[in-house]
Amino acid sequence: MKEWIIPPKQSAAFVHCMEEVLSVYERPYNSTHPVICLDESPRQLIEFREERKNDGVLLTDCEYIRKGVAEIYMAFEPLTGKRYVSIEDDHTAKTWVKVVSSLLDKEYRNCERITLVEDNLTAHRPCTFYEVYEPTVAKDYLDRIEFVFTPKHGSWLDMAEIELSVLDRDCKSSFESREKLAAHISAWQKLRNGKEVKANWHFTNKDARVKLSKLYPTI
């Protein structure tokens, strides 16, 4: 494990959040209260200049044109092998609310509640629901969500981050527009969901207390 992704010394705050996340991952599957991991990552849109010569050879200029940035949101349900990817303009708090509420309205509309595991970015603020919706609507959404945040320096505990890495590995091509990127990701999502590729997570609180023992305060 790389040293820079964990605190350099004992941290009760870190182990508290870490053990909370790991306890969630040890829960058995519950279709009415599933565990969902959420993470986001920017993707640069790039257009390469191309020119076809008289002999039919297609030449690509080494220079490229930046066409903006697309924000990829990954919702991953590790116990069912389902992932739902959306592409947004940014990663502001209000966009995050849009993504989370969309999950509740669509993919998880029949669930009584969901547990949402994600990192502790400042954009991930439950109070922002009240900036987007009327109070009764905001409260209805929030009553259906159990928020579980990874600790600082502990985003590696969010399994959606791992799934984003897989997406980045499988989609190395450059895309000049959100539409082309979305089409490629949609095909990738359909393939992964069809195979029901689940997370192979084995790290538990028991493991953490041995392998990361230096992070636990001395009693």
C-alpha atoms as a PDB file:
ATOM      1  CA  MET A   1       0.000   0.000   0.000  1.00  0.00           C
ATOM      2  CA  LYS A   2       1.438   3.391  -0.962  1.00  0.00           C
ATOM      3  CA  GLU A   3       2.368   5.541   1.998  1.00  0.00           C
ATOM      4  CA  TRP A   4       0.841   8.745   0.613  1.00  0.00           C
ATOM      5  CA  ILE A   5      -2.705   7.391   0.677  1.00  0.00           C
ATOM      6  CA  ILE A   6      -2.778   6.886   4.444  1.00  0.00           C
ATOM      7  CA  PRO A   7      -1.971   9.288   7.300  1.00  0.00           C
ATOM      8  CA  PRO A   8       1.682   9.314   8.396  1.00  0.00           C
ATOM      9  CA  LYS A   9       0.796   8.770  12.065  1.00  0.00           C
ATOM     10  CA  GLN A  10      -1.926   7.630  14.442  1.00  0.00           C
ATOM     11  CA  SER A  11      -5.332   9.021  13.585  1.00  0.00           C
ATOM     12  CA  ALA A  12      -8.527   8.201  15.435  1.00  0.00           C
ATOM     13  CA  ALA A  13     -10.481  10.202  12.834  1.00  0.00           C
ATOM     14  CA  PHE A  14      -9.078   8.099  10.002  1.00  0.00           C
ATOM     15  CA  VAL A  15      -9.672   4.702  11.605  1.00  0.00           C
ATOM     16  CA  HIS A  16     -13.176   5.692  12.696  1.00  0.00           C
ATOM     17  CA  CYS A  17     -14.247   6.526   9.127  1.00  0.00           C
ATOM     18  CA  MET A  18     -12.324   3.586   7.680  1.00  0.00           C
ATOM     19  CA  GLU A  19     -13.954   1.057   9.997  1.00  0.00           C
ATOM     20  CA  GLU A  20     -17.374   2.519   9.247  1.00  0.00           C
ATOM     21  CA  VAL A  21     -16.811   1.984   5.513  1.00  0.00           C
ATOM     22  CA  LEU A  22     -15.409  -1.508   5.995  1.00  0.00           C
ATOM     23  CA  SER A  23     -18.354  -2.473   8.195  1.00  0.00           C
ATOM     24  CA  VAL A  24     -20.702  -1.409   5.401  1.00  0.00           C
ATOM     25  CA  TYR A  25     -18.812  -3.631   2.965  1.00  0.00           C
ATOM     26  CA  GLU A  26     -19.312  -6.622   5.281  1.00  0.00           C
ATOM     27  CA  ARG A  27     -23.104  -6.368   5.116  1.00  0.00           C
ATOM     28  CA  PRO A  28     -25.028  -9.079   3.250  1.00  0.00           C
ATOM     29  CA  TYR A  29     -26.891  -8.051   0.127  1.00  0.00           C
ATOM     30  CA  ASN A  30     -30.239  -6.359   0.708  1.00  0.00           C
ATOM     31  CA  SER A  31     -32.254  -5.543  -2.414  1.00  0.00           C
ATOM     32  CA  THR A  32     -34.355  -2.941  -0.576  1.00  0.00           C
ATOM     33  CA  HIS A  33     -31.310  -1.260   0.977  1.00  0.00           C
ATOM     34  CA  PRO A  34     -28.353  -1.750  -1.370  1.00  0.00           C
ATOM     35  CA  VAL A  35     -24.824  -0.406  -0.904  1.00  0.00           C
ATOM     36  CA  ILE A  36     -23.728   1.917  -3.709  1.00  0.00           C
ATOM     37  CA  CYS A  37     -20.310   3.492  -4.177  1.00  0.00           C
ATOM     38  CA  LEU A  38     -20.085   6.826  -5.989  1.00  0.00           C
ATOM     39  CA  ASP A  39     -17.099   8.688  -7.375  1.00  0.00           C
ATOM     40  CA  GLU A  40     -16.350  11.186 -10.130  1.00  0.00           C
ATOM     41  CA  SER A  41     -13.432  11.899 -12.431  1.00  0.00           C
ATOM     42  CA  PRO A  42     -12.742  14.526 -15.134  1.00  0.00           C
ATOM     43  CA  ARG A  43     -12.090  13.537 -18.735  1.00  0.00           C
ATOM     44  CA  GLN A  44     -10.464  15.928 -21.202  1.00  0.00           C
ATOM     45  CA  LEU A  45     -12.191  16.100 -24.581  1.00  0.00           C
ATOM     46  CA  ILE A  46      -9.663  16.368 -27.406  1.00  0.00           C
ATOM     47  CA  GLU A  47      -9.983  16.790 -31.170  1.00  0.00           C
ATOM     48  CA  PHE A  48      -7.053  15.802 -33.384  1.00  0.00           C
ATOM     49  CA  ARG A  49      -6.563  17.453 -36.764  1.00  0.00           C
ATOM     50  CA  GLU A  50      -6.718  14.935 -39.607  1.00  0.00           C
ATOM     51  CA  GLU A  51      -6.012  15.308 -43.320  1.00  0.00           C
ATOM     52  CA  ARG A  52      -6.424  12.734 -46.092  1.00  0.00           C
ATOM     53  CA  LYS A  53      -3.797  12.882 -48.846  1.00  0.00           C
ATOM     54  CA  ASN A  54      -4.460  12.215 -52.520  1.00  0.00           C
ATOM     55  CA  ASP A  55      -3.261   8.625 -52.177  1.00  0.00           C
ATOM     56  CA  GLY A  56      -5.890   7.995 -49.476  1.00  0.00           C
ATOM     57  CA  VAL A  57      -3.490   7.989 -46.543  1.00  0.00           C
ATOM     58  CA  LEU A  58      -5.000   9.634 -43.448  1.00  0.00           C
ATOM     59  CA  LEU A  59      -2.560  11.831 -41.558  1.00  0.00           C
ATOM     60  CA  THR A  60      -3.114  12.933 -37.955  1.00  0.00           C
ATOM     61  CA  ASP A  61      -1.528  16.162 -36.782  1.00  0.00           C
ATOM     62  CA  CYS A  62       0.447  15.888 -33.548  1.00  0.00           C
ATOM     63  CA  GLU A  63      -1.291  19.056 -32.345  1.00  0.00           C
ATOM     64  CA  TYR A  64      -4.773  18.836 -30.901  1.00  0.00           C
ATOM     65  CA  ILE A  65      -7.639  21.094 -29.910  1.00  0.00           C
ATOM     66  CA  ARG A  66      -9.016  21.049 -26.369  1.00  0.00           C
ATOM     67  CA  LYS A  67     -12.801  20.748 -26.482  1.00  0.00           C
ATOM     68  CA  GLY A  68     -13.504  21.115 -22.787  1.00  0.00           C
ATOM     69  CA  VAL A  69     -13.838  18.684 -19.898  1.00  0.00           C
ATOM     70  CA  ALA A  70     -16.536  16.130 -19.153  1.00  0.00           C
ATOM     71  CA  GLU A  71     -17.116  15.001 -15.583  1.00  0.00           C
ATOM     72  CA  ILE A  72     -17.717  11.258 -15.317  1.00  0.00           C
ATOM     73  CA  TYR A  73     -19.806  10.051 -12.364  1.00  0.00           C
ATOM     74  CA  MET A  74     -19.551   6.364 -11.501  1.00  0.00           C
ATOM     75  CA  ALA A  75     -22.225   4.701  -9.355  1.00  0.00           C
ATOM     76  CA  PHE A  76     -21.157   1.125  -8.607  1.00  0.00           C
ATOM     77  CA  GLU A  77     -23.096  -1.533  -6.724  1.00  0.00           C
ATOM     78  CA  PRO A  78     -20.358  -4.012  -5.749  1.00  0.00           C
ATOM     79  CA  LEU A  79     -22.573  -6.925  -4.655  1.00  0.00           C
ATOM     80  CA  THR A  80     -24.596  -7.098  -7.891  1.00  0.00           C
ATOM     81  CA  GLY A  81     -21.951  -6.064 -10.403  1.00  0.00           C
ATOM     82  CA  LYS A  82     -24.005  -3.152 -11.704  1.00  0.00           C
ATOM     83  CA  ARG A  83     -22.629   0.255 -12.529  1.00  0.00           C
ATOM     84  CA  TYR A  84     -24.368   3.373 -13.805  1.00  0.00           C
ATOM     85  CA  VAL A  85     -22.259   6.067 -15.435  1.00  0.00           C
ATOM     86  CA  SER A  86     -23.390   9.595 -16.187  1.00  0.00           C
ATOM     87  CA  ILE A  87     -21.549  12.491 -17.813  1.00  0.00           C
ATOM     88  CA  GLU A  88     -21.981  15.987 -16.428  1.00  0.00           C
ATOM     89  CA  ASP A  89     -20.546  19.444 -17.034  1.00  0.00           C
ATOM     90  CA  ASP A  90     -18.882  19.822 -13.638  1.00  0.00           C
ATOM     91  CA  HIS A  91     -18.550  18.361 -10.150  1.00  0.00           C
ATOM     92  CA  THR A  92     -20.246  21.074  -8.109  1.00  0.00           C
ATOM     93  CA  ALA A  93     -22.444  20.297  -5.115  1.00  0.00           C
ATOM     94  CA  LYS A  94     -25.623  20.952  -7.100  1.00  0.00           C
ATOM     95  CA  THR A  95     -24.507  18.612  -9.889  1.00  0.00           C
ATOM     96  CA  TRP A  96     -23.782  15.971  -7.266  1.00  0.00           C
ATOM     97  CA  VAL A  97     -27.336  16.374  -5.938  1.00  0.00           C
ATOM     98  CA  LYS A  98     -28.646  15.940  -9.487  1.00  0.00           C
ATOM     99  CA  VAL A  99     -26.709  12.692  -9.918  1.00  0.00           C
ATOM    100  CA  VAL A 100     -27.746  11.230  -6.547  1.00  0.00           C
ATOM    101  CA  SER A 101     -31.419  12.162  -6.908  1.00  0.00           C
ATOM    102  CA  SER A 102     -31.439  10.691 -10.423  1.00  0.00           C
ATOM    103  CA  LEU A 103     -30.233   7.355  -9.007  1.00  0.00           C
ATOM    104  CA  LEU A 104     -33.076   7.398  -6.490  1.00  0.00           C
ATOM    105  CA  ASP A 105     -35.641   8.313  -9.154  1.00  0.00           C
ATOM    106  CA  LYS A 106     -34.495   5.754 -11.730  1.00  0.00           C
ATOM    107  CA  GLU A 107     -32.213   2.809 -10.968  1.00  0.00           C
ATOM    108  CA  TYR A 108     -33.154   2.638  -7.257  1.00  0.00           C
ATOM    109  CA  ARG A 109     -36.714   3.968  -7.319  1.00  0.00           C
ATOM    110  CA  ASN A 110     -38.045   0.739  -5.774  1.00  0.00           C
ATOM    111  CA  CYS A 111     -35.570   0.749  -2.882  1.00  0.00           C
ATOM    112  CA  GLU A 112     -36.661   1.911   0.542  1.00  0.00           C
ATOM    113  CA  ARG A 113     -33.191   3.271   1.245  1.00  0.00           C
ATOM    114  CA  ILE A 114     -29.657   3.179  -0.121  1.00  0.00           C
ATOM    115  CA  THR A 115     -26.269   3.386   1.561  1.00  0.00           C
ATOM    116  CA  LEU A 116     -24.040   5.754  -0.394  1.00  0.00           C
ATOM    117  CA  VAL A 117     -20.281   5.367   0.046  1.00  0.00           C
ATOM    118  CA  GLU A 118     -18.138   8.204  -1.315  1.00  0.00           C
ATOM    119  CA  ASP A 119     -15.132  10.355  -0.511  1.00  0.00           C
ATOM    120  CA  ASN A 120     -15.436  13.477   1.604  1.00  0.00           C
ATOM    121  CA  LEU A 121     -15.142  16.175  -1.059  1.00  0.00           C
ATOM    122  CA  THR A 122     -16.654  19.518  -0.129  1.00  0.00           C
ATOM    123  CA  ALA A 123     -19.095  19.066  -3.025  1.00  0.00           C
ATOM    124  CA  HIS A 124     -20.628  16.042  -1.294  1.00  0.00           C
ATOM    125  CA  ARG A 125     -22.852  17.996   1.071  1.00  0.00           C
ATOM    126  CA  PRO A 126     -26.294  16.576   1.935  1.00  0.00           C
ATOM    127  CA  CYS A 127     -27.458  20.076   2.910  1.00  0.00           C
ATOM    128  CA  THR A 128     -27.241  21.079  -0.773  1.00  0.00           C
ATOM    129  CA  PHE A 129     -30.435  19.120  -1.415  1.00  0.00           C
ATOM    130  CA  TYR A 130     -32.209  22.046   0.255  1.00  0.00           C
ATOM    131  CA  GLU A 131     -30.587  24.428  -2.254  1.00  0.00           C
ATOM    132  CA  VAL A 132     -31.936  22.411  -5.174  1.00  0.00           C
ATOM    133  CA  TYR A 133     -35.377  21.235  -4.000  1.00  0.00           C
ATOM    134  CA  GLU A 134     -38.244  22.453  -1.884  1.00  0.00           C
ATOM    135  CA  PRO A 135     -37.916  21.322   1.764  1.00  0.00           C
ATOM    136  CA  THR A 136     -40.413  18.466   1.566  1.00  0.00           C
ATOM    137  CA  VAL A 137     -38.765  17.050  -1.572  1.00  0.00           C
ATOM    138  CA  ALA A 138     -35.256  17.468  -0.173  1.00  0.00           C
ATOM    139  CA  LYS A 139     -36.239  15.707   3.057  1.00  0.00           C
ATOM    140  CA  ASP A 140     -37.875  12.847   1.141  1.00  0.00           C
ATOM    141  CA  TYR A 141     -34.642  12.262  -0.791  1.00  0.00           C
ATOM    142  CA  LEU A 142     -32.402  12.505   2.267  1.00  0.00           C
ATOM    143  CA  ASP A 143     -34.587  10.121   4.274  1.00  0.00           C
ATOM    144  CA  ARG A 144     -33.788   7.462   1.660  1.00  0.00           C
ATOM    145  CA  ILE A 145     -29.995   7.863   1.893  1.00  0.00           C
ATOM    146  CA  GLU A 146     -27.488   6.665   4.466  1.00  0.00           C
ATOM    147  CA  PHE A 147     -24.297   8.644   3.779  1.00  0.00           C
ATOM    148  CA  VAL A 148     -20.969   6.980   4.549  1.00  0.00           C
ATOM    149  CA  PHE A 149     -17.843   9.009   3.784  1.00  0.00           C
ATOM    150  CA  THR A 150     -14.313   7.700   3.424  1.00  0.00           C
ATOM    151  CA  PRO A 151     -11.661   9.373   5.606  1.00  0.00           C
ATOM    152  CA  LYS A 152      -9.239  11.999   4.378  1.00  0.00           C
ATOM    153  CA  HIS A 153      -6.404  10.229   2.543  1.00  0.00           C
ATOM    154  CA  GLY A 154      -8.714   7.226   2.245  1.00  0.00           C
ATOM    155  CA  SER A 155     -10.491   7.596  -1.101  1.00  0.00           C
ATOM    156  CA  TRP A 156      -9.052   4.164  -1.989  1.00  0.00           C
ATOM    157  CA  LEU A 157     -11.799   2.765   0.245  1.00  0.00           C
ATOM    158  CA  ASP A 158     -14.403   3.850  -2.308  1.00  0.00           C
ATOM    159  CA  MET A 159     -14.865   0.946  -4.723  1.00  0.00           C
ATOM    160  CA  ALA A 160     -16.246   3.310  -7.362  1.00  0.00           C
ATOM    161  CA  GLU A 161     -12.733   4.739  -7.638  1.00  0.00           C
ATOM    162  CA  ILE A 162     -11.486   1.287  -8.631  1.00  0.00           C
ATOM    163  CA  GLU A 163     -14.227   0.971 -11.224  1.00  0.00           C
ATOM    164  CA  LEU A 164     -13.293   4.367 -12.664  1.00  0.00           C
ATOM    165  CA  SER A 165      -9.741   3.081 -13.047  1.00  0.00           C
ATOM    166  CA  VAL A 166     -11.071   0.107 -15.008  1.00  0.00           C
ATOM    167  CA  LEU A 167     -13.079   2.459 -17.219  1.00  0.00           C
ATOM    168  CA  ASP A 168      -9.985   4.598 -17.827  1.00  0.00           C
ATOM    169  CA  ARG A 169      -7.992   1.487 -18.740  1.00  0.00           C
ATOM    170  CA  ASP A 170     -10.650   0.204 -21.146  1.00  0.00           C
ATOM    171  CA  CYS A 171     -11.428   3.597 -22.729  1.00  0.00           C
ATOM    172  CA  LYS A 172      -8.015   4.990 -23.597  1.00  0.00           C
ATOM    173  CA  SER A 173      -9.178   6.563 -26.857  1.00  0.00           C
ATOM    174  CA  SER A 174      -9.516  10.336 -27.201  1.00  0.00           C
ATOM    175  CA  PHE A 175     -12.988  11.782 -27.725  1.00  0.00           C
ATOM    176  CA  GLU A 176     -13.805  15.156 -29.209  1.00  0.00           C
ATOM    177  CA  SER A 177     -17.341  15.438 -27.870  1.00  0.00           C
ATOM    178  CA  ARG A 178     -19.470  14.373 -24.941  1.00  0.00           C
ATOM    179  CA  GLU A 179     -21.758  12.506 -27.335  1.00  0.00           C
ATOM    180  CA  LYS A 180     -18.953  10.255 -28.594  1.00  0.00           C
ATOM    181  CA  LEU A 181     -17.619   9.729 -25.097  1.00  0.00           C
ATOM    182  CA  ALA A 182     -21.124   8.888 -23.836  1.00  0.00           C
ATOM    183  CA  ALA A 183     -21.687   6.357 -26.625  1.00  0.00           C
ATOM    184  CA  HIS A 184     -18.408   4.615 -25.844  1.00  0.00           C
ATOM    185  CA  ILE A 185     -19.081   4.540 -22.098  1.00  0.00           C
ATOM    186  CA  SER A 186     -22.626   3.279 -22.663  1.00  0.00           C
ATOM    187  CA  ALA A 187     -21.282   0.308 -24.611  1.00  0.00           C
ATOM    188  CA  TRP A 188     -18.678  -0.335 -21.908  1.00  0.00           C
ATOM    189  CA  GLN A 189     -21.323  -0.171 -19.167  1.00  0.00           C
ATOM    190  CA  LYS A 190     -23.628  -2.560 -21.011  1.00  0.00           C
ATOM    191  CA  LEU A 191     -20.797  -5.068 -21.439  1.00  0.00           C
ATOM    192  CA  ARG A 192     -19.675  -4.889 -17.793  1.00  0.00           C
ATOM    193  CA  ASN A 193     -23.225  -5.069 -16.446  1.00  0.00           C
ATOM    194  CA  GLY A 194     -24.044  -7.963 -18.759  1.00  0.00           C
ATOM    195  CA  LYS A 195     -21.155  -9.911 -17.268  1.00  0.00           C
ATOM    196  CA  GLU A 196     -22.168  -8.801 -13.744  1.00  0.00           C
ATOM    197  CA  VAL A 197     -18.568  -7.968 -12.876  1.00  0.00           C
ATOM    198  CA  LYS A 198     -18.588  -7.629  -9.087  1.00  0.00           C
ATOM    199  CA  ALA A 199     -15.973  -6.295  -6.687  1.00  0.00           C
ATOM    200  CA  ASN A 200     -13.611  -8.810  -5.155  1.00  0.00           C
ATOM    201  CA  TRP A 201     -13.167  -6.972  -1.849  1.00  0.00           C
ATOM    202  CA  HIS A 202     -11.564  -8.839   1.054  1.00  0.00           C
ATOM    203  CA  PHE A 203     -10.109  -6.088   3.270  1.00  0.00           C
ATOM    204  CA  THR A 204     -11.967  -6.109   6.609  1.00  0.00           C
ATOM    205  CA  ASN A 205     -11.741  -4.334   9.955  1.00  0.00           C
ATOM    206  CA  LYS A 206      -9.868  -7.344  11.306  1.00  0.00           C
ATOM    207  CA  ASP A 207      -7.291  -6.970   8.523  1.00  0.00           C
ATOM    208  CA  ALA A 208      -7.039  -3.209   9.047  1.00  0.00           C
ATOM    209  CA  ARG A 209      -6.266  -3.614  12.750  1.00  0.00           C
ATOM    210  CA  VAL A 210      -3.243  -5.732  11.817  1.00  0.00           C
ATOM    211  CA  LYS A 211      -1.979  -4.239   8.562  1.00  0.00           C
ATOM    212  CA  LEU A 212      -2.664  -0.618   9.535  1.00  0.00           C
ATOM    213  CA  SER A 213      -2.056  -1.007  13.258  1.00  0.00           C
ATOM    214  CA  LYS A 214       0.248   2.039  13.334  1.00  0.00           C
ATOM    215  CA  LEU A 215      -2.747   4.249  12.573  1.00  0.00           C
ATOM    216  CA  TYR A 216      -4.661   3.169  15.663  1.00  0.00           C
ATOM    217  CA  PRO A 217      -4.188   5.276  18.787  1.00  0.00           C
ATOM    218  CA  THR A 218      -2.262   3.615  21.597  1.00  0.00           C
ATOM    219  CA  ILE A 219      -4.453   2.958  24.629  1.00  0.00           C
END
